[in-house]
Amino acid sequence: MELSTHTETKQYIKKDNAPSVYVGTYEKYNNGSIQGAWVDLTRFDSYDEFLEYCAELHKDEQDPEFMFQDFENFPKEYYSESEIDPELWEFLALDDDDRAMYEAYQEAGLSGSFSDAQDAYSGQFDNNIDFVMDLLESCGDIPRDLPAYIHIDWERTARDIMYDYSEANGYYFRNC
């Protein structure tokens, strides 16, 4: 990826709401400069392609050590000052529904890959009682049509079962 003109460089500069990082170098920073650029990460198919662009962006240094001074519009788990997690590109490739599910997984205090989130995902529900009723019905622990003479304290049942599950934004996950 050759950057021969300033105009060519601009095509990778941050767009509104795009997952982006500000890329400088430690050498520039240590010499009192924060010279760098906001880079739109959606322009790259892989981490390696992104690093190639960063090297071209800072070709005025012989062996630039990249410093990612700020980030926007992607989960913090993928960011550190000295590295962007290569798995970020898997996250960026997700569709909106999968991304929302994965963000809820992380917001629920669970950690792991997108695959871990998929494995733990138990559905979307309006509340704990709806979730627990569906869970118990779908696994056969209670019949779908309970006789009228059977009464279940759904609030207590939901409270007890939720020890094994986490919820965020209506997404439910099995605690692994």
Protein backbone atom coordinates (compact mmCIF):
# COMPACT_ATOMS: atom_id res chain seq x y z
CA MET A 1 0.00 0.00 0.00
CA GLU A 2 1.97 2.99 -1.29
CA LEU A 3 1.09 6.44 -0.01
CA SER A 4 2.49 8.75 -2.62
CA THR A 5 0.37 11.83 -1.98
CA HIS A 6 -1.26 13.62 0.91
CA THR A 7 -4.65 13.05 -0.76
CA GLU A 8 -4.06 9.31 -0.73
CA THR A 9 -3.33 9.40 3.00
CA LYS A 10 -6.63 11.19 3.71
CA GLN A 11 -8.69 8.22 2.52
CA TYR A 12 -7.72 6.39 5.72
CA ILE A 13 -8.31 9.27 8.09
CA LYS A 14 -11.11 8.87 10.63
CA LYS A 15 -14.73 9.22 9.61
CA ASP A 16 -17.53 10.02 12.04
CA ASN A 17 -18.39 7.02 14.24
CA ALA A 18 -15.83 4.77 12.55
CA PRO A 19 -13.65 2.61 14.80
CA SER A 20 -10.43 4.63 14.83
CA VAL A 21 -7.08 5.08 16.55
CA TYR A 22 -4.67 7.97 16.71
CA VAL A 23 -1.31 6.60 15.57
CA GLY A 24 1.89 8.33 16.58
CA THR A 25 5.28 6.92 17.56
CA TYR A 26 7.20 6.74 20.80
CA GLU A 27 10.19 8.47 19.21
CA LYS A 28 8.12 11.49 18.20
CA TYR A 29 6.42 11.56 21.60
CA ASN A 30 9.75 11.36 23.46
CA ASN A 31 10.97 14.28 21.36
CA GLY A 32 7.97 16.40 22.37
CA SER A 33 5.70 15.76 19.37
CA ILE A 34 2.36 14.04 19.12
CA GLN A 35 2.49 14.10 15.33
CA GLY A 36 0.42 11.32 13.90
CA ALA A 37 -3.02 10.77 12.43
CA TRP A 38 -6.45 9.42 13.23
CA VAL A 39 -6.83 6.22 11.23
CA ASP A 40 -10.14 4.59 10.23
CA LEU A 41 -9.68 0.89 11.06
CA THR A 42 -12.51 -0.23 8.79
CA ARG A 43 -10.27 0.47 5.79
CA PHE A 44 -8.10 -2.55 6.56
CA ASP A 45 -8.94 -6.22 6.20
CA SER A 46 -6.37 -7.33 8.76
CA TYR A 47 -4.07 -6.24 11.53
CA ASP A 48 -1.03 -6.77 9.29
CA GLU A 49 -2.48 -4.47 6.61
CA PHE A 50 -3.11 -1.85 9.30
CA LEU A 51 0.49 -2.10 10.53
CA GLU A 52 1.78 -1.70 6.97
CA TYR A 53 -0.19 1.51 6.69
CA CYS A 54 1.16 2.75 10.04
CA ALA A 55 4.71 2.07 8.83
CA GLU A 56 4.02 4.05 5.67
CA LEU A 57 2.43 6.84 7.72
CA HIS A 58 5.61 7.10 9.80
CA LYS A 59 8.14 6.33 7.08
CA ASP A 60 10.19 9.32 8.25
CA GLU A 61 11.51 6.97 11.00
CA GLN A 62 13.76 4.00 10.27
CA ASP A 63 12.02 1.53 12.61
CA PRO A 64 8.96 3.27 14.07
CA GLU A 65 7.56 1.99 17.34
CA PHE A 66 3.87 2.81 17.09
CA MET A 67 2.07 4.58 19.90
CA PHE A 68 -1.71 4.38 19.82
CA GLN A 69 -2.49 7.54 21.72
CA ASP A 70 -6.28 7.42 21.63
CA PHE A 71 -9.16 5.32 20.30
CA GLU A 72 -12.84 5.67 19.47
CA ASN A 73 -15.86 3.52 18.65
CA PHE A 74 -14.67 0.04 19.59
CA PRO A 75 -14.48 -1.83 22.91
CA LYS A 76 -11.59 -0.93 25.20
CA GLU A 77 -10.61 -4.61 25.48
CA TYR A 78 -8.98 -4.34 22.05
CA TYR A 79 -6.94 -1.23 22.83
CA SER A 80 -3.67 -0.47 24.57
CA GLU A 81 -1.21 2.33 24.03
CA SER A 82 1.35 -0.04 22.54
CA GLU A 83 -0.86 -2.45 20.61
CA ILE A 84 -4.22 -2.92 18.99
CA ASP A 85 -5.45 -6.48 19.52
CA PRO A 86 -5.43 -8.31 16.16
CA GLU A 87 -8.79 -9.88 17.12
CA LEU A 88 -10.35 -6.43 16.69
CA TRP A 89 -10.71 -7.17 12.97
CA GLU A 90 -12.91 -10.19 13.80
CA PHE A 91 -15.08 -7.87 15.90
CA LEU A 92 -15.24 -5.28 13.11
CA ALA A 93 -16.39 -7.96 10.64
CA LEU A 94 -19.49 -8.77 12.74
CA ASP A 95 -22.90 -7.61 11.60
CA ASP A 96 -24.83 -5.17 13.82
CA ASP A 97 -26.84 -7.90 15.62
CA ASP A 98 -23.77 -9.99 16.44
CA ARG A 99 -21.85 -6.90 17.53
CA ALA A 100 -24.69 -5.82 19.85
CA MET A 101 -24.80 -9.32 21.35
CA TYR A 102 -21.02 -9.36 21.90
CA GLU A 103 -21.03 -5.89 23.43
CA ALA A 104 -23.81 -7.00 25.82
CA TYR A 105 -21.71 -10.06 26.72
CA GLN A 106 -18.84 -7.80 27.71
CA GLU A 107 -21.15 -5.33 29.45
CA ALA A 108 -22.55 -8.21 31.51
CA GLY A 109 -19.06 -8.59 32.97
CA LEU A 110 -18.16 -11.68 30.98
CA SER A 111 -14.93 -11.97 29.08
CA GLY A 112 -13.85 -14.02 26.14
CA SER A 113 -13.94 -14.17 22.39
CA PHE A 114 -16.95 -13.72 20.17
CA SER A 115 -17.12 -17.53 19.94
CA ASP A 116 -17.32 -17.71 23.76
CA ALA A 117 -20.16 -15.18 23.69
CA GLN A 118 -22.01 -17.22 21.05
CA ASP A 119 -21.63 -20.38 23.16
CA ALA A 120 -22.95 -18.63 26.28
CA TYR A 121 -25.77 -16.74 24.52
CA SER A 122 -29.18 -17.84 25.75
CA GLY A 123 -31.47 -15.36 24.01
CA GLN A 124 -33.06 -11.94 24.27
CA PHE A 125 -35.91 -11.29 26.67
CA ASP A 126 -37.72 -8.36 28.23
CA ASN A 127 -37.11 -9.52 31.79
CA ASN A 128 -35.73 -12.33 33.97
CA ILE A 129 -39.09 -14.01 34.43
CA ASP A 130 -39.71 -14.30 30.68
CA PHE A 131 -36.19 -15.66 30.27
CA VAL A 132 -36.56 -18.26 33.04
CA MET A 133 -40.01 -19.37 31.87
CA ASP A 134 -38.67 -19.90 28.34
CA LEU A 135 -35.56 -21.64 29.64
CA LEU A 136 -37.51 -24.10 31.79
CA GLU A 137 -40.10 -24.75 29.10
CA SER A 138 -37.53 -25.28 26.35
CA CYS A 139 -35.46 -27.76 28.36
CA GLY A 140 -38.57 -29.67 29.39
CA ASP A 141 -38.39 -28.95 33.11
CA ILE A 142 -41.96 -27.62 33.08
CA PRO A 143 -44.75 -28.22 30.57
CA ARG A 144 -45.64 -25.41 28.17
CA ASP A 145 -49.23 -25.38 29.41
CA LEU A 146 -49.24 -25.66 33.18
CA PRO A 147 -52.52 -26.77 34.72
CA ALA A 148 -54.31 -23.90 36.46
CA TYR A 149 -53.93 -25.54 39.87
CA ILE A 150 -50.11 -25.35 39.75
CA HIS A 151 -48.65 -22.06 40.92
CA ILE A 152 -45.01 -21.14 40.56
CA ASP A 153 -43.32 -18.24 42.29
CA TRP A 154 -41.65 -16.99 39.11
CA GLU A 155 -39.85 -14.11 40.82
CA ARG A 156 -38.10 -16.44 43.26
CA THR A 157 -37.43 -19.03 40.56
CA ALA A 158 -35.92 -16.35 38.31
CA ARG A 159 -33.80 -15.01 41.16
CA ASP A 160 -32.44 -18.50 41.93
CA ILE A 161 -31.73 -19.42 38.31
CA MET A 162 -30.10 -16.06 37.52
CA TYR A 163 -27.14 -17.05 39.72
CA ASP A 164 -26.06 -19.15 36.74
CA TYR A 165 -26.75 -16.47 34.11
CA SER A 166 -25.83 -12.87 33.36
CA GLU A 167 -27.87 -10.22 31.56
CA ALA A 168 -27.16 -6.92 29.84
CA ASN A 169 -29.51 -4.90 27.63
CA GLY A 170 -31.98 -7.80 27.44
CA TYR A 171 -29.34 -10.30 26.27
CA TYR A 172 -28.93 -13.38 28.48
CA PHE A 173 -25.78 -15.48 28.83
CA ARG A 174 -24.91 -18.65 30.69
CA ASN A 175 -22.05 -18.01 33.12
CA CYS A 176 -19.29 -20.38 32.07
